[in-house]
């Protein structure tokens, strides 16, 4: 169903892959962590009948470039660059971590006319455990470059995901492509 694929250079030079389909008002879909833009595949045909659907593949996934480090500010720059490339008012739908990126970009989203945030993982406090310990555990896992452990700690201790969800998420093929 994809009619066009293109890349957008981010401020840091990482190429961000975008899939475009359909016609009509612009609709930009941003996926969350541990998945790629293919998460939108089941709804893309229906959306493309009414919108020009743009599916952003976050850095490290499905044709997008990668980086040695991931910072929220870089992903904000990626999102802003894609919106500027679309070049017209857009409705933005963002899921999970994609919603966090969108929230961080709010002051730079002049061309966004509607915003739909689905399941942003934003909590007042962690679902389980001591926030200081969770932070230190995450910091150690990140510094060690252990993506699987980082994801496990976040899902288990911060989000409160059950063990079977953590296990399935960690063996996802996308885990080797960035988080």
N, C-alpha and C. Protein backbone atom coordinates (compact mmCIF):
# COMPACT_ATOMS: atom_id res chain seq x y z
N UNK A 1 0.82 -1.20 0.00
CA UNK A 1 0.00 0.00 0.00
C UNK A 1 0.86 1.26 0.00
N UNK A 2 2.14 1.14 0.35
CA UNK A 2 3.01 2.31 0.38
C UNK A 2 3.21 2.80 -1.04
N UNK A 3 2.93 4.07 -1.28
CA UNK A 3 3.10 4.62 -2.62
C UNK A 3 4.46 5.27 -2.80
N UNK A 4 5.07 5.65 -1.67
CA UNK A 4 6.37 6.32 -1.76
C UNK A 4 7.12 6.12 -0.45
N UNK A 5 8.41 5.91 -0.55
CA UNK A 5 9.29 5.90 0.61
C UNK A 5 10.35 6.95 0.37
N UNK A 6 10.65 7.72 1.41
CA UNK A 6 11.70 8.73 1.28
C UNK A 6 12.39 8.89 2.62
N UNK A 7 13.53 9.53 2.61
CA UNK A 7 14.25 9.80 3.86
C UNK A 7 14.37 11.30 4.07
N UNK A 8 14.44 11.67 5.32
CA UNK A 8 14.58 13.06 5.73
C UNK A 8 15.83 13.15 6.60
N UNK A 9 16.78 14.03 6.25
CA UNK A 9 17.96 14.17 7.09
C UNK A 9 17.62 14.91 8.38
N UNK A 10 18.03 14.33 9.50
CA UNK A 10 17.83 15.01 10.78
C UNK A 10 18.90 16.08 10.94
N UNK A 11 18.76 16.89 11.97
CA UNK A 11 19.74 17.94 12.26
C UNK A 11 21.14 17.34 12.43
N UNK A 12 21.20 16.12 13.01
CA UNK A 12 22.49 15.45 13.26
C UNK A 12 22.97 14.63 12.06
N UNK A 13 22.18 14.64 10.96
CA UNK A 13 22.60 13.92 9.76
C UNK A 13 22.08 12.50 9.65
N UNK A 14 21.33 12.02 10.63
CA UNK A 14 20.74 10.69 10.55
C UNK A 14 19.56 10.75 9.58
N UNK A 15 19.52 9.80 8.63
CA UNK A 15 18.42 9.76 7.67
C UNK A 15 17.23 9.04 8.29
N UNK A 16 16.07 9.72 8.30
CA UNK A 16 14.85 9.18 8.88
C UNK A 16 13.93 8.73 7.75
N UNK A 17 13.57 7.46 7.77
CA UNK A 17 12.73 6.87 6.73
C UNK A 17 11.25 7.18 6.98
N UNK A 18 10.55 7.53 5.90
CA UNK A 18 9.13 7.83 5.98
C UNK A 18 8.43 7.07 4.85
N UNK A 19 7.33 6.40 5.19
CA UNK A 19 6.48 5.74 4.20
C UNK A 19 5.25 6.62 3.99
N UNK A 20 4.89 6.83 2.74
CA UNK A 20 3.78 7.71 2.41
C UNK A 20 2.77 6.93 1.58
N UNK A 21 1.48 7.12 1.88
CA UNK A 21 0.43 6.48 1.09
C UNK A 21 -0.85 7.30 1.16
N UNK A 22 -1.70 7.14 0.16
CA UNK A 22 -3.00 7.77 0.17
C UNK A 22 -3.00 9.20 -0.30
N UNK A 23 -4.16 9.83 -0.11
CA UNK A 23 -4.31 11.24 -0.47
C UNK A 23 -5.33 11.86 0.48
N UNK A 24 -5.23 13.15 0.61
CA UNK A 24 -6.10 13.88 1.53
C UNK A 24 -5.27 14.65 2.52
N UNK A 25 -5.89 15.09 3.61
CA UNK A 25 -5.15 15.82 4.64
C UNK A 25 -3.99 14.99 5.18
N UNK A 26 -2.93 15.65 5.61
CA UNK A 26 -1.74 14.96 6.10
C UNK A 26 -1.96 14.38 7.49
N UNK A 27 -1.56 13.11 7.64
CA UNK A 27 -1.64 12.39 8.91
C UNK A 27 -0.30 11.73 9.14
N UNK A 28 0.39 12.10 10.21
CA UNK A 28 1.70 11.55 10.53
C UNK A 28 1.57 10.59 11.70
N UNK A 29 2.06 9.35 11.52
CA UNK A 29 1.99 8.31 12.54
C UNK A 29 3.39 8.04 13.08
N UNK A 30 3.54 8.07 14.40
CA UNK A 30 4.84 7.87 15.04
C UNK A 30 4.71 6.70 16.01
N UNK A 31 5.54 5.68 15.81
CA UNK A 31 5.48 4.48 16.65
C UNK A 31 6.26 4.65 17.95
N UNK A 32 6.09 3.67 18.82
CA UNK A 32 6.77 3.68 20.11
C UNK A 32 8.07 2.90 20.10
N UNK A 33 8.51 2.51 21.28
CA UNK A 33 9.78 1.79 21.46
C UNK A 33 9.61 0.32 21.09
N UNK A 34 10.71 -0.29 20.71
CA UNK A 34 10.81 -1.72 20.44
C UNK A 34 9.91 -2.20 19.30
N UNK A 35 9.46 -1.30 18.47
CA UNK A 35 8.71 -1.63 17.26
C UNK A 35 9.17 -0.67 16.17
N UNK A 36 8.63 -0.83 14.98
CA UNK A 36 8.90 0.13 13.91
C UNK A 36 7.57 0.57 13.31
N UNK A 37 7.62 1.29 12.22
CA UNK A 37 6.42 1.82 11.60
C UNK A 37 5.45 0.76 11.11
N UNK A 38 5.90 -0.48 10.99
CA UNK A 38 5.00 -1.54 10.53
C UNK A 38 3.88 -1.81 11.52
N UNK A 39 3.99 -1.28 12.73
CA UNK A 39 2.91 -1.44 13.71
C UNK A 39 1.61 -0.80 13.20
N UNK A 40 1.74 0.13 12.26
CA UNK A 40 0.57 0.82 11.70
C UNK A 40 0.00 0.10 10.48
N UNK A 41 0.60 -1.01 10.06
CA UNK A 41 0.21 -1.69 8.81
C UNK A 41 -1.26 -2.08 8.76
N UNK A 42 -1.83 -2.49 9.87
CA UNK A 42 -3.23 -2.93 9.84
C UNK A 42 -4.22 -1.79 9.64
N UNK A 43 -3.85 -0.58 10.03
CA UNK A 43 -4.76 0.56 9.86
C UNK A 43 -4.40 1.44 8.67
N UNK A 44 -3.21 1.26 8.13
CA UNK A 44 -2.75 2.11 7.03
C UNK A 44 -3.70 2.10 5.82
N UNK A 45 -4.18 0.95 5.35
CA UNK A 45 -5.07 0.98 4.18
C UNK A 45 -6.33 1.82 4.41
N UNK A 46 -6.94 1.68 5.58
CA UNK A 46 -8.14 2.47 5.87
C UNK A 46 -7.83 3.95 5.98
N UNK A 47 -6.73 4.27 6.67
CA UNK A 47 -6.36 5.67 6.83
C UNK A 47 -6.02 6.31 5.48
N UNK A 48 -5.38 5.53 4.61
CA UNK A 48 -4.94 6.05 3.31
C UNK A 48 -6.10 6.36 2.37
N UNK A 49 -7.26 5.87 2.68
CA UNK A 49 -8.45 6.21 1.87
C UNK A 49 -8.94 7.63 2.17
N UNK A 50 -8.54 8.15 3.33
CA UNK A 50 -9.04 9.46 3.76
C UNK A 50 -7.94 10.50 3.98
N UNK A 51 -6.70 10.03 4.10
CA UNK A 51 -5.58 10.91 4.43
C UNK A 51 -4.37 10.58 3.56
N UNK A 52 -3.46 11.53 3.49
CA UNK A 52 -2.11 11.20 3.05
C UNK A 52 -1.40 10.78 4.32
N UNK A 53 -1.20 9.48 4.45
CA UNK A 53 -0.61 8.92 5.67
C UNK A 53 0.91 8.87 5.54
N UNK A 54 1.58 9.46 6.48
CA UNK A 54 3.03 9.43 6.57
C UNK A 54 3.39 8.60 7.81
N UNK A 55 4.16 7.55 7.61
CA UNK A 55 4.59 6.72 8.74
C UNK A 55 6.08 6.95 8.95
N UNK A 56 6.40 7.56 10.08
CA UNK A 56 7.79 7.84 10.43
C UNK A 56 8.38 6.58 11.07
N UNK A 57 9.52 6.15 10.59
CA UNK A 57 10.27 5.06 11.22
C UNK A 57 11.37 5.70 12.03
N UNK A 58 11.24 5.63 13.35
CA UNK A 58 12.22 6.29 14.22
C UNK A 58 13.62 5.74 13.96
N UNK A 59 14.62 6.52 14.31
CA UNK A 59 16.03 6.16 14.06
C UNK A 59 16.32 4.74 14.55
N UNK A 60 17.13 4.03 13.72
CA UNK A 60 17.50 2.67 14.04
C UNK A 60 16.51 1.62 13.58
N UNK A 61 15.49 2.01 12.82
CA UNK A 61 14.45 1.08 12.41
C UNK A 61 14.07 1.25 10.95
N UNK A 62 13.75 0.16 10.31
CA UNK A 62 13.13 0.10 8.98
C UNK A 62 13.59 1.17 8.00
N UNK A 63 14.84 1.15 7.67
CA UNK A 63 15.34 2.06 6.65
C UNK A 63 15.87 3.37 7.19
N UNK A 64 15.60 3.68 8.45
CA UNK A 64 16.16 4.90 9.03
C UNK A 64 17.59 4.63 9.47
N UNK A 65 18.38 5.67 9.48
CA UNK A 65 19.75 5.54 9.96
C UNK A 65 19.77 5.32 11.46
N UNK A 66 20.95 5.05 11.96
CA UNK A 66 21.11 4.77 13.38
C UNK A 66 22.15 5.73 13.96
N UNK A 67 22.28 5.72 15.25
CA UNK A 67 23.26 6.56 15.93
C UNK A 67 23.84 5.77 17.09
N UNK A 68 25.03 6.13 17.50
CA UNK A 68 25.68 5.43 18.62
C UNK A 68 24.93 5.68 19.92
N UNK A 69 24.37 6.87 20.07
CA UNK A 69 23.63 7.22 21.28
C UNK A 69 22.24 7.71 20.90
N UNK A 70 21.33 7.51 21.81
CA UNK A 70 19.96 7.99 21.61
C UNK A 70 19.64 9.01 22.69
N UNK A 71 19.24 10.19 22.27
CA UNK A 71 18.81 11.22 23.19
C UNK A 71 17.43 11.68 22.75
N UNK A 72 16.58 11.97 23.71
CA UNK A 72 15.24 12.45 23.41
C UNK A 72 15.31 13.67 22.50
N UNK A 73 16.24 14.57 22.76
CA UNK A 73 16.35 15.79 21.95
C UNK A 73 16.64 15.48 20.48
N UNK A 74 17.41 14.42 20.21
CA UNK A 74 17.67 14.03 18.83
C UNK A 74 16.41 13.52 18.16
N UNK A 75 15.62 12.74 18.89
CA UNK A 75 14.38 12.23 18.30
C UNK A 75 13.36 13.36 18.10
N UNK A 76 13.39 14.36 18.96
CA UNK A 76 12.57 15.55 18.75
C UNK A 76 12.98 16.22 17.44
N UNK A 77 14.29 16.39 17.24
CA UNK A 77 14.79 16.99 15.99
C UNK A 77 14.35 16.17 14.77
N UNK A 78 14.38 14.83 14.90
CA UNK A 78 13.95 13.96 13.80
C UNK A 78 12.48 14.23 13.46
N UNK A 79 11.64 14.26 14.48
CA UNK A 79 10.21 14.49 14.28
C UNK A 79 9.95 15.84 13.64
N UNK A 80 10.60 16.87 14.14
CA UNK A 80 10.43 18.22 13.59
C UNK A 80 10.88 18.27 12.13
N UNK A 81 11.98 17.61 11.80
CA UNK A 81 12.47 17.59 10.41
C UNK A 81 11.46 16.92 9.48
N UNK A 82 10.84 15.84 9.93
CA UNK A 82 9.85 15.15 9.10
C UNK A 82 8.63 16.03 8.90
N UNK A 83 8.16 16.68 9.96
CA UNK A 83 6.99 17.56 9.84
C UNK A 83 7.29 18.70 8.87
N UNK A 84 8.47 19.26 8.95
CA UNK A 84 8.84 20.35 8.02
C UNK A 84 8.87 19.85 6.58
N UNK A 85 9.33 18.62 6.39
CA UNK A 85 9.39 18.05 5.04
C UNK A 85 8.00 17.80 4.48
N UNK A 86 7.07 17.39 5.34
CA UNK A 86 5.68 17.21 4.89
C UNK A 86 5.18 18.54 4.33
N UNK A 87 5.53 19.63 4.98
CA UNK A 87 5.31 20.95 4.42
C UNK A 87 3.89 21.46 4.41
N UNK A 88 3.04 20.87 5.20
CA UNK A 88 1.66 21.36 5.28
C UNK A 88 1.09 20.96 6.63
N UNK A 89 -0.03 21.54 7.03
CA UNK A 89 -0.60 21.19 8.34
C UNK A 89 -0.83 19.68 8.44
N UNK A 90 -0.52 19.14 9.62
CA UNK A 90 -0.58 17.69 9.81
C UNK A 90 -1.30 17.36 11.12
N UNK A 91 -2.04 16.26 11.07
CA UNK A 91 -2.56 15.64 12.29
C UNK A 91 -1.52 14.62 12.70
N UNK A 92 -1.08 14.67 13.94
CA UNK A 92 -0.02 13.79 14.42
C UNK A 92 -0.61 12.78 15.40
N UNK A 93 -0.40 11.49 15.10
CA UNK A 93 -0.82 10.41 15.98
C UNK A 93 0.45 9.73 16.46
N UNK A 94 0.65 9.69 17.77
CA UNK A 94 1.88 9.11 18.31
C UNK A 94 1.54 8.12 19.41
N UNK A 95 2.23 6.97 19.36
CA UNK A 95 1.99 5.89 20.31
C UNK A 95 3.18 5.69 21.24
N UNK A 96 2.92 5.44 22.51
CA UNK A 96 3.90 5.03 23.50
C UNK A 96 5.08 6.01 23.53
N UNK A 97 6.31 5.51 23.30
CA UNK A 97 7.47 6.41 23.36
C UNK A 97 7.38 7.49 22.27
N UNK A 98 6.74 7.18 21.15
CA UNK A 98 6.52 8.20 20.13
C UNK A 98 5.72 9.37 20.69
N UNK A 99 4.80 9.08 21.62
CA UNK A 99 4.03 10.14 22.27
C UNK A 99 4.93 10.97 23.20
N UNK A 100 5.90 10.32 23.84
CA UNK A 100 6.84 11.04 24.70
C UNK A 100 7.68 11.99 23.84
N UNK A 101 8.15 11.51 22.70
CA UNK A 101 8.92 12.36 21.77
C UNK A 101 8.07 13.56 21.37
N UNK A 102 6.81 13.29 21.06
CA UNK A 102 5.90 14.36 20.64
C UNK A 102 5.69 15.37 21.76
N UNK A 103 5.48 14.91 22.98
CA UNK A 103 5.32 15.83 24.10
C UNK A 103 6.57 16.71 24.27
N UNK A 104 7.73 16.12 24.11
CA UNK A 104 8.98 16.89 24.24
C UNK A 104 9.14 17.91 23.12
N UNK A 105 8.46 17.68 22.01
CA UNK A 105 8.57 18.57 20.84
C UNK A 105 7.47 19.62 20.78
N UNK A 106 6.58 19.66 21.73
CA UNK A 106 5.39 20.51 21.64
C UNK A 106 5.67 21.94 21.21
N UNK A 107 6.69 22.56 21.75
CA UNK A 107 6.95 23.96 21.41
C UNK A 107 7.50 24.16 20.00
N UNK A 108 7.76 23.05 19.28
CA UNK A 108 8.30 23.14 17.92
C UNK A 108 7.33 22.61 16.87
N UNK A 109 6.09 22.37 17.24
CA UNK A 109 5.14 21.72 16.35
C UNK A 109 4.13 22.70 15.75
N UNK A 110 4.63 23.77 15.15
CA UNK A 110 3.77 24.81 14.60
C UNK A 110 2.82 24.30 13.52
N UNK A 111 3.23 23.33 12.73
CA UNK A 111 2.40 22.83 11.64
C UNK A 111 1.49 21.68 12.03
N UNK A 112 1.42 21.36 13.32
CA UNK A 112 0.54 20.30 13.79
C UNK A 112 -0.80 20.93 14.16
N UNK A 113 -1.87 20.48 13.50
CA UNK A 113 -3.19 21.05 13.76
C UNK A 113 -4.02 20.21 14.73
N UNK A 114 -3.69 18.92 14.83
CA UNK A 114 -4.32 18.02 15.79
C UNK A 114 -3.25 17.10 16.34
N UNK A 115 -3.44 16.74 17.60
CA UNK A 115 -2.46 15.88 18.25
C UNK A 115 -3.21 14.77 18.98
N UNK A 116 -2.86 13.52 18.66
CA UNK A 116 -3.47 12.36 19.31
C UNK A 116 -2.33 11.55 19.91
N UNK A 117 -2.30 11.47 21.23
CA UNK A 117 -1.26 10.73 21.93
C UNK A 117 -1.89 9.48 22.52
N UNK A 118 -1.38 8.32 22.10
CA UNK A 118 -1.94 7.05 22.51
C UNK A 118 -0.97 6.33 23.43
N UNK A 119 -1.37 6.10 24.66
CA UNK A 119 -0.59 5.37 25.66
C UNK A 119 0.82 5.91 25.90
N UNK A 120 0.97 7.21 26.13
CA UNK A 120 2.32 7.68 26.47
C UNK A 120 2.72 7.09 27.83
N UNK A 121 3.92 6.52 27.93
CA UNK A 121 4.33 5.91 29.19
C UNK A 121 4.84 6.96 30.17
N UNK A 122 3.93 7.79 30.63
CA UNK A 122 4.27 8.87 31.53
C UNK A 122 3.57 8.59 32.86
N UNK A 123 4.36 8.44 33.89
CA UNK A 123 3.83 8.13 35.21
C UNK A 123 4.35 9.13 36.21
N UNK A 124 3.53 9.44 37.18
CA UNK A 124 3.96 10.33 38.25
C UNK A 124 5.10 9.70 39.04
N UNK A 125 5.01 8.39 39.25
CA UNK A 125 6.06 7.65 39.91
C UNK A 125 6.08 6.24 39.31
N UNK A 126 7.16 5.52 39.49
CA UNK A 126 7.23 4.17 38.92
C UNK A 126 6.11 3.28 39.46
N UNK A 127 5.72 2.32 38.63
CA UNK A 127 4.68 1.38 39.05
C UNK A 127 5.17 0.45 40.15
N UNK A 128 6.44 0.15 40.16
CA UNK A 128 7.02 -0.74 41.17
C UNK A 128 8.37 -0.18 41.59
N UNK A 129 8.79 -0.52 42.79
CA UNK A 129 10.17 -0.22 43.19
C UNK A 129 10.45 1.21 43.56
N UNK A 130 11.70 1.41 43.92
CA UNK A 130 12.23 2.69 44.35
C UNK A 130 12.74 3.48 43.14
N UNK A 131 12.25 4.70 42.92
CA UNK A 131 12.66 5.48 41.74
C UNK A 131 14.18 5.67 41.65
N UNK A 132 14.85 5.91 42.78
CA UNK A 132 16.30 6.10 42.75
C UNK A 132 17.04 4.85 42.31
N UNK A 133 16.60 3.69 42.80
CA UNK A 133 17.22 2.42 42.41
C UNK A 133 16.96 2.13 40.94
N UNK A 134 15.74 2.38 40.49
CA UNK A 134 15.41 2.16 39.07
C UNK A 134 16.32 3.04 38.20
N UNK A 135 16.46 4.31 38.58
CA UNK A 135 17.32 5.21 37.82
C UNK A 135 18.75 4.70 37.76
N UNK A 136 19.28 4.30 38.91
CA UNK A 136 20.66 3.80 38.95
C UNK A 136 20.82 2.51 38.14
N UNK A 137 19.84 1.60 38.23
CA UNK A 137 19.89 0.36 37.45
C UNK A 137 19.85 0.67 35.95
N UNK A 138 18.99 1.60 35.57
CA UNK A 138 18.92 1.99 34.15
C UNK A 138 20.22 2.63 33.70
N UNK A 139 20.76 3.51 34.53
CA UNK A 139 22.02 4.18 34.19
C UNK A 139 23.14 3.17 33.97
N UNK A 140 23.26 2.17 34.86
CA UNK A 140 24.30 1.15 34.72
C UNK A 140 24.09 0.34 33.43
N UNK A 141 22.87 -0.05 33.14
CA UNK A 141 22.60 -0.84 31.93
C UNK A 141 22.90 -0.03 30.67
N UNK A 142 22.55 1.24 30.68
CA UNK A 142 22.82 2.10 29.52
C UNK A 142 24.33 2.29 29.34
N UNK A 143 25.02 2.58 30.43
CA UNK A 143 26.47 2.77 30.35
C UNK A 143 27.18 1.50 29.88
N UNK A 144 26.62 0.35 30.21
CA UNK A 144 27.21 -0.94 29.78
C UNK A 144 26.82 -1.28 28.34
N UNK A 145 25.95 -0.45 27.75
CA UNK A 145 25.50 -0.72 26.38
C UNK A 145 24.58 -1.92 26.28
N UNK A 146 23.95 -2.30 27.37
CA UNK A 146 23.09 -3.48 27.41
C UNK A 146 21.64 -3.08 27.15
N UNK A 147 21.26 -3.09 25.88
CA UNK A 147 19.91 -2.67 25.48
C UNK A 147 18.84 -3.58 26.06
N UNK A 148 19.09 -4.88 26.06
CA UNK A 148 18.10 -5.81 26.59
C UNK A 148 17.83 -5.57 28.08
N UNK A 149 18.89 -5.39 28.84
CA UNK A 149 18.73 -5.13 30.28
C UNK A 149 18.05 -3.78 30.50
N UNK A 150 18.41 -2.78 29.72
CA UNK A 150 17.78 -1.46 29.83
C UNK A 150 16.27 -1.58 29.60
N UNK A 151 15.90 -2.26 28.53
CA UNK A 151 14.47 -2.43 28.23
C UNK A 151 13.77 -3.24 29.32
N UNK A 152 14.43 -4.28 29.81
CA UNK A 152 13.84 -5.11 30.87
C UNK A 152 13.57 -4.30 32.13
N UNK A 153 14.56 -3.52 32.55
CA UNK A 153 14.39 -2.71 33.76
C UNK A 153 13.26 -1.71 33.57
N UNK A 154 13.24 -1.03 32.43
CA UNK A 154 12.20 -0.04 32.18
C UNK A 154 10.82 -0.69 32.19
N UNK A 155 10.67 -1.76 31.40
CA UNK A 155 9.35 -2.40 31.31
C UNK A 155 8.90 -3.00 32.64
N UNK A 156 9.80 -3.68 33.30
CA UNK A 156 9.46 -4.37 34.55
C UNK A 156 9.25 -3.39 35.70
N UNK A 157 10.24 -2.50 35.92
CA UNK A 157 10.24 -1.68 37.13
C UNK A 157 9.53 -0.34 36.98
N UNK A 158 9.67 0.30 35.83
CA UNK A 158 9.04 1.60 35.63
C UNK A 158 7.59 1.46 35.19
N UNK A 159 7.37 0.62 34.17
CA UNK A 159 6.02 0.46 33.61
C UNK A 159 5.19 -0.52 34.42
N UNK A 160 5.85 -1.55 34.99
CA UNK A 160 5.11 -2.57 35.74
C UNK A 160 4.56 -3.67 34.85
N UNK A 161 5.19 -3.87 33.69
CA UNK A 161 4.74 -4.92 32.77
C UNK A 161 4.96 -6.29 33.39
N UNK A 162 4.03 -7.22 33.15
CA UNK A 162 4.20 -8.57 33.68
C UNK A 162 5.37 -9.29 33.00
N UNK A 163 5.94 -10.31 33.66
CA UNK A 163 7.12 -10.99 33.13
C UNK A 163 6.97 -11.51 31.69
N UNK A 164 5.78 -12.04 31.35
CA UNK A 164 5.63 -12.57 29.98
C UNK A 164 5.67 -11.45 28.94
N UNK A 165 5.20 -10.27 29.28
CA UNK A 165 5.27 -9.13 28.34
C UNK A 165 6.72 -8.68 28.19
N UNK A 166 7.45 -8.63 29.29
CA UNK A 166 8.86 -8.26 29.24
C UNK A 166 9.61 -9.25 28.36
N UNK A 167 9.38 -10.55 28.57
CA UNK A 167 10.08 -11.58 27.81
C UNK A 167 9.79 -11.48 26.32
N UNK A 168 8.54 -11.30 25.96
CA UNK A 168 8.17 -11.18 24.54
C UNK A 168 8.77 -9.92 23.93
N UNK A 169 8.77 -8.83 24.67
CA UNK A 169 9.31 -7.57 24.15
C UNK A 169 10.80 -7.66 23.93
N UNK A 170 11.50 -8.33 24.80
CA UNK A 170 12.96 -8.40 24.73
C UNK A 170 13.41 -9.28 23.56
N UNK A 171 12.65 -10.29 23.18
CA UNK A 171 13.06 -11.16 22.06
C UNK A 171 12.56 -10.63 20.73
N UNK A 172 11.92 -9.46 20.75
CA UNK A 172 11.45 -8.84 19.51
C UNK A 172 12.62 -8.60 18.56
N UNK A 173 12.43 -8.83 17.24
CA UNK A 173 13.51 -8.62 16.28
C UNK A 173 14.05 -7.19 16.29
N UNK A 174 13.23 -6.22 16.67
CA UNK A 174 13.65 -4.82 16.64
C UNK A 174 14.64 -4.51 17.75
N UNK A 175 14.74 -5.36 18.79
CA UNK A 175 15.66 -5.06 19.89
C UNK A 175 17.09 -4.88 19.41
N UNK A 176 17.48 -5.58 18.38
CA UNK A 176 18.83 -5.42 17.86
C UNK A 176 19.02 -4.18 17.03
N UNK A 177 17.94 -3.42 16.81
CA UNK A 177 17.99 -2.26 15.93
C UNK A 177 17.86 -0.94 16.66
N UNK A 178 17.96 -0.93 17.95
CA UNK A 178 17.81 0.32 18.72
C UNK A 178 16.56 0.27 19.53
N UNK A 179 16.43 1.17 20.48
CA UNK A 179 15.24 1.19 21.30
C UNK A 179 14.67 2.57 21.42
